[in-house]
PDB file of N, CA and C in Angstrom:
ATOM      1  N   UNK A   1      13.717 -21.113 -50.009  1.00  0.00           N
ATOM      2  CA  UNK A   1      13.516 -21.886 -48.800  1.00  0.00           C
ATOM      3  C   UNK A   1      14.626 -21.623 -47.787  1.00  0.00           C
ATOM      4  N   UNK A   2      15.867 -21.574 -48.245  1.00  0.00           N
ATOM      5  CA  UNK A   2      16.965 -21.306 -47.328  1.00  0.00           C
ATOM      6  C   UNK A   2      16.873 -19.898 -46.764  1.00  0.00           C
ATOM      7  N   UNK A   3      16.287 -18.978 -47.528  1.00  0.00           N
ATOM      8  CA  UNK A   3      16.087 -17.614 -47.049  1.00  0.00           C
ATOM      9  C   UNK A   3      15.096 -17.628 -45.895  1.00  0.00           C
ATOM     10  N   UNK A   4      14.018 -18.421 -46.020  1.00  0.00           N
ATOM     11  CA  UNK A   4      13.025 -18.540 -44.966  1.00  0.00           C
ATOM     12  C   UNK A   4      13.638 -19.111 -43.694  1.00  0.00           C
ATOM     13  N   UNK A   5      14.457 -20.128 -43.846  1.00  0.00           N
ATOM     14  CA  UNK A   5      15.098 -20.745 -42.688  1.00  0.00           C
ATOM     15  C   UNK A   5      16.017 -19.743 -42.004  1.00  0.00           C
ATOM     16  N   UNK A   6      16.779 -19.010 -42.767  1.00  0.00           N
ATOM     17  CA  UNK A   6      17.677 -18.011 -42.211  1.00  0.00           C
ATOM     18  C   UNK A   6      16.907 -16.924 -41.473  1.00  0.00           C
ATOM     19  N   UNK A   7      15.800 -16.464 -42.064  1.00  0.00           N
ATOM     20  CA  UNK A   7      14.978 -15.422 -41.442  1.00  0.00           C
ATOM     21  C   UNK A   7      14.349 -15.945 -40.152  1.00  0.00           C
ATOM     22  N   UNK A   8      13.842 -17.173 -40.198  1.00  0.00           N
ATOM     23  CA  UNK A   8      13.236 -17.760 -38.995  1.00  0.00           C
ATOM     24  C   UNK A   8      14.265 -17.941 -37.880  1.00  0.00           C
ATOM     25  N   UNK A   9      15.464 -18.349 -38.254  1.00  0.00           N
ATOM     26  CA  UNK A   9      16.529 -18.506 -37.267  1.00  0.00           C
ATOM     27  C   UNK A   9      16.894 -17.163 -36.658  1.00  0.00           C
ATOM     28  N   UNK A  10      16.932 -16.135 -37.486  1.00  0.00           N
ATOM     29  CA  UNK A  10      17.239 -14.791 -36.997  1.00  0.00           C
ATOM     30  C   UNK A  10      16.138 -14.298 -36.049  1.00  0.00           C
ATOM     31  N   UNK A  11      14.881 -14.529 -36.397  1.00  0.00           N
ATOM     32  CA  UNK A  11      13.764 -14.123 -35.536  1.00  0.00           C
ATOM     33  C   UNK A  11      13.816 -14.859 -34.196  1.00  0.00           C
ATOM     34  N   UNK A  12      14.117 -16.133 -34.261  1.00  0.00           N
ATOM     35  CA  UNK A  12      14.213 -16.918 -33.031  1.00  0.00           C
ATOM     36  C   UNK A  12      15.368 -16.424 -32.164  1.00  0.00           C
ATOM     37  N   UNK A  13      16.474 -16.079 -32.797  1.00  0.00           N
ATOM     38  CA  UNK A  13      17.624 -15.559 -32.064  1.00  0.00           C
ATOM     39  C   UNK A  13      17.284 -14.227 -31.401  1.00  0.00           C
ATOM     40  N   UNK A  14      16.580 -13.335 -32.111  1.00  0.00           N
ATOM     41  CA  UNK A  14      16.162 -12.060 -31.524  1.00  0.00           C
ATOM     42  C   UNK A  14      15.204 -12.289 -30.350  1.00  0.00           C
ATOM     43  N   UNK A  15      14.285 -13.214 -30.540  1.00  0.00           N
ATOM     44  CA  UNK A  15      13.342 -13.514 -29.454  1.00  0.00           C
ATOM     45  C   UNK A  15      14.084 -14.026 -28.226  1.00  0.00           C
ATOM     46  N   UNK A  16      15.046 -14.924 -28.435  1.00  0.00           N
ATOM     47  CA  UNK A  16      15.826 -15.482 -27.327  1.00  0.00           C
ATOM     48  C   UNK A  16      16.570 -14.371 -26.583  1.00  0.00           C
ATOM     49  N   UNK A  17      17.124 -13.432 -27.315  1.00  0.00           N
ATOM     50  CA  UNK A  17      17.823 -12.296 -26.697  1.00  0.00           C
ATOM     51  C   UNK A  17      16.855 -11.431 -25.906  1.00  0.00           C
ATOM     52  N   UNK A  18      15.691 -11.154 -26.493  1.00  0.00           N
ATOM     53  CA  UNK A  18      14.667 -10.349 -25.812  1.00  0.00           C
ATOM     54  C   UNK A  18      14.183 -11.065 -24.547  1.00  0.00           C
ATOM     55  N   UNK A  19      13.990 -12.359 -24.646  1.00  0.00           N
ATOM     56  CA  UNK A  19      13.557 -13.136 -23.485  1.00  0.00           C
ATOM     57  C   UNK A  19      14.606 -13.067 -22.383  1.00  0.00           C
ATOM     58  N   UNK A  20      15.866 -13.203 -22.742  1.00  0.00           N
ATOM     59  CA  UNK A  20      16.948 -13.089 -21.763  1.00  0.00           C
ATOM     60  C   UNK A  20      16.963 -11.730 -21.090  1.00  0.00           C
ATOM     61  N   UNK A  21      16.724 -10.666 -21.866  1.00  0.00           N
ATOM     62  CA  UNK A  21      16.681  -9.306 -21.319  1.00  0.00           C
ATOM     63  C   UNK A  21      15.543  -9.162 -20.319  1.00  0.00           C
ATOM     64  N   UNK A  22      14.355  -9.672 -20.677  1.00  0.00           N
ATOM     65  CA  UNK A  22      13.200  -9.573 -19.782  1.00  0.00           C
ATOM     66  C   UNK A  22      13.400 -10.395 -18.517  1.00  0.00           C
ATOM     67  N   UNK A  23      14.005 -11.553 -18.646  1.00  0.00           N
ATOM     68  CA  UNK A  23      14.279 -12.375 -17.463  1.00  0.00           C
ATOM     69  C   UNK A  23      15.246 -11.662 -16.536  1.00  0.00           C
ATOM     70  N   UNK A  24      16.273 -11.052 -17.114  1.00  0.00           N
ATOM     71  CA  UNK A  24      17.261 -10.332 -16.307  1.00  0.00           C
ATOM     72  C   UNK A  24      16.597  -9.195 -15.536  1.00  0.00           C
ATOM     73  N   UNK A  25      15.639  -8.517 -16.150  1.00  0.00           N
ATOM     74  CA  UNK A  25      14.915  -7.448 -15.460  1.00  0.00           C
ATOM     75  C   UNK A  25      14.109  -7.987 -14.283  1.00  0.00           C
ATOM     76  N   UNK A  26      13.750  -9.265 -14.339  1.00  0.00           N
ATOM     77  CA  UNK A  26      12.979  -9.893 -13.259  1.00  0.00           C
ATOM     78  C   UNK A  26      13.865 -10.565 -12.223  1.00  0.00           C
ATOM     79  N   UNK A  27      15.181 -10.437 -12.389  1.00  0.00           N
ATOM     80  CA  UNK A  27      16.096 -11.017 -11.411  1.00  0.00           C
ATOM     81  C   UNK A  27      16.501 -12.450 -11.714  1.00  0.00           C
ATOM     82  N   UNK A  28      16.200 -12.927 -12.899  1.00  0.00           N
ATOM     83  CA  UNK A  28      16.585 -14.283 -13.304  1.00  0.00           C
ATOM     84  C   UNK A  28      17.714 -14.154 -14.323  1.00  0.00           C
ATOM     85  N   UNK A  29      18.786 -14.879 -14.075  1.00  0.00           N
ATOM     86  CA  UNK A  29      19.963 -14.716 -14.927  1.00  0.00           C
ATOM     87  C   UNK A  29      19.772 -15.225 -16.349  1.00  0.00           C
ATOM     88  N   UNK A  30      19.119 -16.393 -16.484  1.00  0.00           N
ATOM     89  CA  UNK A  30      18.966 -16.971 -17.822  1.00  0.00           C
ATOM     90  C   UNK A  30      17.826 -17.992 -17.820  1.00  0.00           C
ATOM     91  N   UNK A  31      17.577 -18.566 -18.968  1.00  0.00           N
ATOM     92  CA  UNK A  31      16.475 -19.521 -19.101  1.00  0.00           C
ATOM     93  C   UNK A  31      16.717 -20.763 -18.266  1.00  0.00           C
ATOM     94  N   UNK A  32      17.945 -21.213 -18.193  1.00  0.00           N
ATOM     95  CA  UNK A  32      18.247 -22.398 -17.382  1.00  0.00           C
ATOM     96  C   UNK A  32      17.890 -22.148 -15.912  1.00  0.00           C
ATOM     97  N   UNK A  33      18.200 -20.963 -15.415  1.00  0.00           N
ATOM     98  CA  UNK A  33      17.849 -20.627 -14.026  1.00  0.00           C
ATOM     99  C   UNK A  33      16.330 -20.552 -13.871  1.00  0.00           C
ATOM    100  N   UNK A  34      15.648 -20.017 -14.867  1.00  0.00           N
ATOM    101  CA  UNK A  34      14.187 -19.951 -14.829  1.00  0.00           C
ATOM    102  C   UNK A  34      13.577 -21.347 -14.745  1.00  0.00           C
ATOM    103  N   UNK A  35      14.055 -22.244 -15.555  1.00  0.00           N
ATOM    104  CA  UNK A  35      13.535 -23.615 -15.546  1.00  0.00           C
ATOM    105  C   UNK A  35      13.841 -24.287 -14.221  1.00  0.00           C
ATOM    106  N   UNK A  36      15.031 -24.068 -13.697  1.00  0.00           N
ATOM    107  CA  UNK A  36      15.402 -24.645 -12.406  1.00  0.00           C
ATOM    108  C   UNK A  36      14.505 -24.112 -11.296  1.00  0.00           C
ATOM    109  N   UNK A  37      14.245 -22.822 -11.311  1.00  0.00           N
ATOM    110  CA  UNK A  37      13.368 -22.216 -10.300  1.00  0.00           C
ATOM    111  C   UNK A  37      11.955 -22.751 -10.429  1.00  0.00           C
ATOM    112  N   UNK A  38      11.489 -22.894 -11.663  1.00  0.00           N
ATOM    113  CA  UNK A  38      10.154 -23.452 -11.908  1.00  0.00           C
ATOM    114  C   UNK A  38      10.047 -24.863 -11.338  1.00  0.00           C
ATOM    115  N   UNK A  39      11.034 -25.687 -11.606  1.00  0.00           N
ATOM    116  CA  UNK A  39      11.021 -27.071 -11.113  1.00  0.00           C
ATOM    117  C   UNK A  39      11.044 -27.104  -9.585  1.00  0.00           C
ATOM    118  N   UNK A  40      11.847 -26.251  -8.985  1.00  0.00           N
ATOM    119  CA  UNK A  40      11.920 -26.183  -7.524  1.00  0.00           C
ATOM    120  C   UNK A  40      10.574 -25.769  -6.941  1.00  0.00           C
ATOM    121  N   UNK A  41       9.953 -24.774  -7.541  1.00  0.00           N
ATOM    122  CA  UNK A  41       8.646 -24.315  -7.086  1.00  0.00           C
ATOM    123  C   UNK A  41       7.594 -25.407  -7.260  1.00  0.00           C
ATOM    124  N   UNK A  42       7.618 -26.094  -8.383  1.00  0.00           N
ATOM    125  CA  UNK A  42       6.654 -27.175  -8.630  1.00  0.00           C
ATOM    126  C   UNK A  42       6.801 -28.286  -7.593  1.00  0.00           C
ATOM    127  N   UNK A  43       8.032 -28.665  -7.276  1.00  0.00           N
ATOM    128  CA  UNK A  43       8.256 -29.703  -6.262  1.00  0.00           C
ATOM    129  C   UNK A  43       7.760 -29.243  -4.892  1.00  0.00           C
ATOM    130  N   UNK A  44       8.017 -27.979  -4.571  1.00  0.00           N
ATOM    131  CA  UNK A  44       7.573 -27.441  -3.276  1.00  0.00           C
ATOM    132  C   UNK A  44       6.053 -27.436  -3.194  1.00  0.00           C
ATOM    133  N   UNK A  45       5.393 -27.043  -4.267  1.00  0.00           N
ATOM    134  CA  UNK A  45       3.932 -27.018  -4.266  1.00  0.00           C
ATOM    135  C   UNK A  45       3.337 -28.421  -4.229  1.00  0.00           C
ATOM    136  N   UNK A  46       4.012 -29.371  -4.855  1.00  0.00           N
ATOM    137  CA  UNK A  46       3.541 -30.754  -4.825  1.00  0.00           C
ATOM    138  C   UNK A  46       3.613 -31.345  -3.420  1.00  0.00           C
ATOM    139  N   UNK A  47       4.475 -30.772  -2.580  1.00  0.00           N
ATOM    140  CA  UNK A  47       4.643 -31.297  -1.217  1.00  0.00           C
ATOM    141  C   UNK A  47       3.484 -30.908  -0.302  1.00  0.00           C
ATOM    142  N   UNK A  48       2.630 -29.991  -0.749  1.00  0.00           N
ATOM    143  CA  UNK A  48       1.513 -29.520   0.070  1.00  0.00           C
ATOM    144  C   UNK A  48       0.219 -29.776  -0.696  1.00  0.00           C
ATOM    145  N   UNK A  49      -0.714 -30.471  -0.060  1.00  0.00           N
ATOM    146  CA  UNK A  49      -1.970 -30.781  -0.737  1.00  0.00           C
ATOM    147  C   UNK A  49      -2.947 -29.617  -0.628  1.00  0.00           C
ATOM    148  N   UNK A  50      -3.924 -29.607  -1.518  1.00  0.00           N
ATOM    149  CA  UNK A  50      -4.973 -28.593  -1.466  1.00  0.00           C
ATOM    150  C   UNK A  50      -5.755 -28.703  -0.166  1.00  0.00           C
ATOM    151  N   UNK A  51      -5.944 -29.936   0.316  1.00  0.00           N
ATOM    152  CA  UNK A  51      -6.671 -30.124   1.575  1.00  0.00           C
ATOM    153  C   UNK A  51      -5.925 -29.483   2.730  1.00  0.00           C
ATOM    154  N   UNK A  52      -4.610 -29.629   2.741  1.00  0.00           N
ATOM    155  CA  UNK A  52      -3.814 -29.008   3.806  1.00  0.00           C
ATOM    156  C   UNK A  52      -3.923 -27.484   3.754  1.00  0.00           C
ATOM    157  N   UNK A  53      -3.865 -26.936   2.560  1.00  0.00           N
ATOM    158  CA  UNK A  53      -3.977 -25.483   2.408  1.00  0.00           C
ATOM    159  C   UNK A  53      -5.358 -25.029   2.856  1.00  0.00           C
ATOM    160  N   UNK A  54      -6.395 -25.787   2.473  1.00  0.00           N
ATOM    161  CA  UNK A  54      -7.755 -25.456   2.898  1.00  0.00           C
ATOM    162  C   UNK A  54      -7.901 -25.498   4.401  1.00  0.00           C
ATOM    163  N   UNK A  55      -7.346 -26.540   5.036  1.00  0.00           N
ATOM    164  CA  UNK A  55      -7.411 -26.667   6.494  1.00  0.00           C
ATOM    165  C   UNK A  55      -6.709 -25.484   7.160  1.00  0.00           C
ATOM    166  N   UNK A  56      -5.514 -25.144   6.665  1.00  0.00           N
ATOM    167  CA  UNK A  56      -4.755 -24.034   7.251  1.00  0.00           C
ATOM    168  C   UNK A  56      -5.516 -22.715   7.081  1.00  0.00           C
ATOM    169  N   UNK A  57      -6.147 -22.533   5.933  1.00  0.00           N
ATOM    170  CA  UNK A  57      -6.919 -21.306   5.698  1.00  0.00           C
ATOM    171  C   UNK A  57      -8.106 -21.237   6.663  1.00  0.00           C
ATOM    172  N   UNK A  58      -8.777 -22.364   6.876  1.00  0.00           N
ATOM    173  CA  UNK A  58      -9.898 -22.391   7.827  1.00  0.00           C
ATOM    174  C   UNK A  58      -9.424 -22.084   9.241  1.00  0.00           C
ATOM    175  N   UNK A  59      -8.310 -22.657   9.634  1.00  0.00           N
ATOM    176  CA  UNK A  59      -7.764 -22.410  10.962  1.00  0.00           C
ATOM    177  C   UNK A  59      -7.407 -20.932  11.130  1.00  0.00           C
ATOM    178  N   UNK A  60      -6.795 -20.372  10.118  1.00  0.00           N
ATOM    179  CA  UNK A  60      -6.419 -18.952  10.178  1.00  0.00           C
ATOM    180  C   UNK A  60      -7.669 -18.079  10.281  1.00  0.00           C
ATOM    181  N   UNK A  61      -8.701 -18.405   9.509  1.00  0.00           N
ATOM    182  CA  UNK A  61      -9.945 -17.632   9.561  1.00  0.00           C
ATOM    183  C   UNK A  61     -10.582 -17.745  10.943  1.00  0.00           C
ATOM    184  N   UNK A  62     -10.578 -18.940  11.507  1.00  0.00           N
ATOM    185  CA  UNK A  62     -11.142 -19.143  12.842  1.00  0.00           C
ATOM    186  C   UNK A  62     -10.374 -18.319  13.873  1.00  0.00           C
ATOM    187  N   UNK A  63      -9.064 -18.308  13.766  1.00  0.00           N
ATOM    188  CA  UNK A  63      -8.240 -17.532  14.690  1.00  0.00           C
ATOM    189  C   UNK A  63      -8.524 -16.036  14.546  1.00  0.00           C
ATOM    190  N   UNK A  64      -8.658 -15.570  13.323  1.00  0.00           N
ATOM    191  CA  UNK A  64      -8.975 -14.155  13.101  1.00  0.00           C
ATOM    192  C   UNK A  64     -10.309 -13.815  13.758  1.00  0.00           C
ATOM    193  N   UNK A  65     -11.305 -14.674  13.586  1.00  0.00           N
ATOM    194  CA  UNK A  65     -12.618 -14.426  14.189  1.00  0.00           C
ATOM    195  C   UNK A  65     -12.513 -14.352  15.713  1.00  0.00           C
ATOM    196  N   UNK A  66     -11.740 -15.250  16.308  1.00  0.00           N
ATOM    197  CA  UNK A  66     -11.581 -15.236  17.766  1.00  0.00           C
ATOM    198  C   UNK A  66     -10.843 -13.991  18.223  1.00  0.00           C
ATOM    199  N   UNK A  67      -9.832 -13.561  17.461  1.00  0.00           N
ATOM    200  CA  UNK A  67      -9.094 -12.349  17.823  1.00  0.00           C
ATOM    201  C   UNK A  67      -9.978 -11.112  17.710  1.00  0.00           C
ATOM    202  N   UNK A  68     -10.841 -11.073  16.711  1.00  0.00           N
ATOM    203  CA  UNK A  68     -11.769  -9.955  16.570  1.00  0.00           C
ATOM    204  C   UNK A  68     -12.718  -9.931  17.764  1.00  0.00           C
ATOM    205  N   UNK A  69     -13.216 -11.099  18.167  1.00  0.00           N
ATOM    206  CA  UNK A  69     -14.103 -11.170  19.333  1.00  0.00           C
ATOM    207  C   UNK A  69     -13.365 -10.733  20.596  1.00  0.00           C
ATOM    208  N   UNK A  70     -12.115 -11.151  20.728  1.00  0.00           N
ATOM    209  CA  UNK A  70     -11.317 -10.756  21.884  1.00  0.00           C
ATOM    210  C   UNK A  70     -11.118  -9.243  21.897  1.00  0.00           C
ATOM    211  N   UNK A  71     -10.863  -8.654  20.737  1.00  0.00           N
ATOM    212  CA  UNK A  71     -10.704  -7.208  20.642  1.00  0.00           C
ATOM    213  C   UNK A  71     -11.987  -6.505  21.068  1.00  0.00           C
ATOM    214  N   UNK A  72     -13.130  -7.017  20.625  1.00  0.00           N
ATOM    215  CA  UNK A  72     -14.415  -6.432  21.017  1.00  0.00           C
ATOM    216  C   UNK A  72     -14.587  -6.499  22.535  1.00  0.00           C
ATOM    217  N   UNK A  73     -14.267  -7.631  23.112  1.00  0.00           N
ATOM    218  CA  UNK A  73     -14.382  -7.786  24.566  1.00  0.00           C
ATOM    219  C   UNK A  73     -13.455  -6.822  25.306  1.00  0.00           C
ATOM    220  N   UNK A  74     -12.253  -6.664  24.819  1.00  0.00           N
ATOM    221  CA  UNK A  74     -11.307  -5.757  25.463  1.00  0.00           C
ATOM    222  C   UNK A  74     -11.763  -4.304  25.354  1.00  0.00           C
ATOM    223  N   UNK A  75     -12.334  -3.938  24.214  1.00  0.00           N
ATOM    224  CA  UNK A  75     -12.842  -2.575  24.070  1.00  0.00           C
ATOM    225  C   UNK A  75     -14.009  -2.335  25.029  1.00  0.00           C
ATOM    226  N   UNK A  76     -14.881  -3.331  25.174  1.00  0.00           N
ATOM    227  CA  UNK A  76     -16.001  -3.213  26.104  1.00  0.00           C
ATOM    228  C   UNK A  76     -15.484  -3.075  27.530  1.00  0.00           C
ATOM    229  N   UNK A  77     -14.510  -3.864  27.890  1.00  0.00           N
ATOM    230  CA  UNK A  77     -13.920  -3.796  29.229  1.00  0.00           C
ATOM    231  C   UNK A  77     -13.273  -2.432  29.467  1.00  0.00           C
ATOM    232  N   UNK A  78     -12.588  -1.893  28.462  1.00  0.00           N
ATOM    233  CA  UNK A  78     -11.967  -0.580  28.580  1.00  0.00           C
ATOM    234  C   UNK A  78     -13.024   0.498  28.821  1.00  0.00           C
ATOM    235  N   UNK A  79     -14.110   0.436  28.048  1.00  0.00           N
ATOM    236  CA  UNK A  79     -15.178   1.428  28.233  1.00  0.00           C
ATOM    237  C   UNK A  79     -15.799   1.311  29.626  1.00  0.00           C
ATOM    238  N   UNK A  80     -16.010   0.095  30.098  1.00  0.00           N
ATOM    239  CA  UNK A  80     -16.564  -0.120  31.437  1.00  0.00           C
ATOM    240  C   UNK A  80     -15.627   0.451  32.493  1.00  0.00           C
ATOM    241  N   UNK A  81     -14.337   0.214  32.336  1.00  0.00           N
ATOM    242  CA  UNK A  81     -13.352   0.728  33.282  1.00  0.00           C
ATOM    243  C   UNK A  81     -13.367   2.261  33.291  1.00  0.00           C
ATOM    244  N   UNK A  82     -13.460   2.874  32.105  1.00  0.00           N
ATOM    245  CA  UNK A  82     -13.517   4.331  32.022  1.00  0.00           C
ATOM    246  C   UNK A  82     -14.783   4.857  32.703  1.00  0.00           C
ATOM    247  N   UNK A  83     -15.904   4.178  32.505  1.00  0.00           N
ATOM    248  CA  UNK A  83     -17.160   4.613  33.131  1.00  0.00           C
ATOM    249  C   UNK A  83     -17.064   4.505  34.650  1.00  0.00           C
ATOM    250  N   UNK A  84     -16.493   3.422  35.152  1.00  0.00           N
ATOM    251  CA  UNK A  84     -16.364   3.231  36.590  1.00  0.00           C
ATOM    252  C   UNK A  84     -15.408   4.252  37.205  1.00  0.00           C
ATOM    253  N   UNK A  85     -14.415   4.661  36.443  1.00  0.00           N
ATOM    254  CA  UNK A  85     -13.466   5.649  36.948  1.00  0.00           C
ATOM    255  C   UNK A  85     -14.135   7.010  37.118  1.00  0.00           C
ATOM    256  N   UNK A  86     -15.204   7.283  36.375  1.00  0.00           N
ATOM    257  CA  UNK A  86     -15.915   8.554  36.462  1.00  0.00           C
ATOM    258  C   UNK A  86     -16.963   8.570  37.580  1.00  0.00           C
ATOM    259  N   UNK A  87     -17.328   7.403  38.090  1.00  0.00           N
ATOM    260  CA  UNK A  87     -18.334   7.336  39.155  1.00  0.00           C
ATOM    261  C   UNK A  87     -17.681   7.789  40.451  1.00  0.00           C
ATOM    262  N   UNK A  88     -18.308   8.751  41.149  1.00  0.00           N
ATOM    263  CA  UNK A  88     -17.710   9.191  42.426  1.00  0.00           C
ATOM    264  C   UNK A  88     -17.694   8.039  43.414  1.00  0.00           C
ATOM    265  N   UNK A  89     -16.665   8.043  44.245  1.00  0.00           N
ATOM    266  CA  UNK A  89     -16.576   6.979  45.240  1.00  0.00           C
ATOM    267  C   UNK A  89     -17.652   7.188  46.288  1.00  0.00           C
ATOM    268  N   UNK A  90     -18.120   6.116  46.872  1.00  0.00           N
ATOM    269  CA  UNK A  90     -19.177   6.192  47.892  1.00  0.00           C
ATOM    270  C   UNK A  90     -18.668   6.931  49.123  1.00  0.00           C
ATOM    271  N   UNK A  91     -19.568   7.648  49.759  1.00  0.00           N
ATOM    272  CA  UNK A  91     -19.214   8.384  50.975  1.00  0.00           C
ATOM    273  C   UNK A  91     -18.945   7.380  52.076  1.00  0.00           C
ATOM    274  N   UNK A  92     -17.801   7.520  52.681  1.00  0.00           N
ATOM    275  CA  UNK A  92     -17.418   6.628  53.787  1.00  0.00           C
ATOM    276  C   UNK A  92     -18.084   7.123  55.068  1.00  0.00           C
ATOM    277  N   UNK A  93     -18.669   6.247  55.855  1.00  0.00           N
ATOM    278  CA  UNK A  93     -19.249   6.685  57.145  1.00  0.00           C
ATOM    279  C   UNK A  93     -18.145   7.161  58.084  1.00  0.00           C
ATOM    280  N   UNK A  94     -18.487   8.120  58.885  1.00  0.00           N
ATOM    281  CA  UNK A  94     -17.537   8.668  59.860  1.00  0.00           C
ATOM    282  C   UNK A  94     -17.155   7.582  60.828  1.00  0.00           C
ATOM    283  N   UNK A  95     -15.920   7.605  61.291  1.00  0.00           N
ATOM    284  CA  UNK A  95     -15.507   6.591  62.270  1.00  0.00           C
ATOM    285  C   UNK A  95     -16.379   6.672  63.528  1.00  0.00           C
ATOM    286  N   UNK A  96     -16.753   5.499  63.959  1.00  0.00           N
ATOM    287  CA  UNK A  96     -17.563   5.381  65.149  1.00  0.00           C
ATOM    288  C   UNK A  96     -19.024   5.683  64.906  1.00  0.00           C
ATOM    289  N   UNK A  97     -19.418   5.860  63.665  1.00  0.00           N
ATOM    290  CA  UNK A  97     -20.760   6.313  63.389  1.00  0.00           C
ATOM    291  C   UNK A  97     -21.642   5.287  62.953  1.00  0.00           C
TER     292      UNK A  97
END
């Protein structure tokens, strides 16, 4: 039984070391920092409701749609301007005529 406990403790210690190595590769110094970051993120997310996120997403989508329509209008105006630039100017009547 004591052999099992020793082996389990050793496995847990190896896992803890491996976890620390993987966290360090992700830019987290240790487990305490990971937990602190998690708590900070959870508090930040709790400060914003799903309804607020949904409203903001709808507003952003509406704005994108309006900008796309504006782009279409500007392209149409550009093409019209190019077409008008190619039309010869009307012949001016001679002075006094």
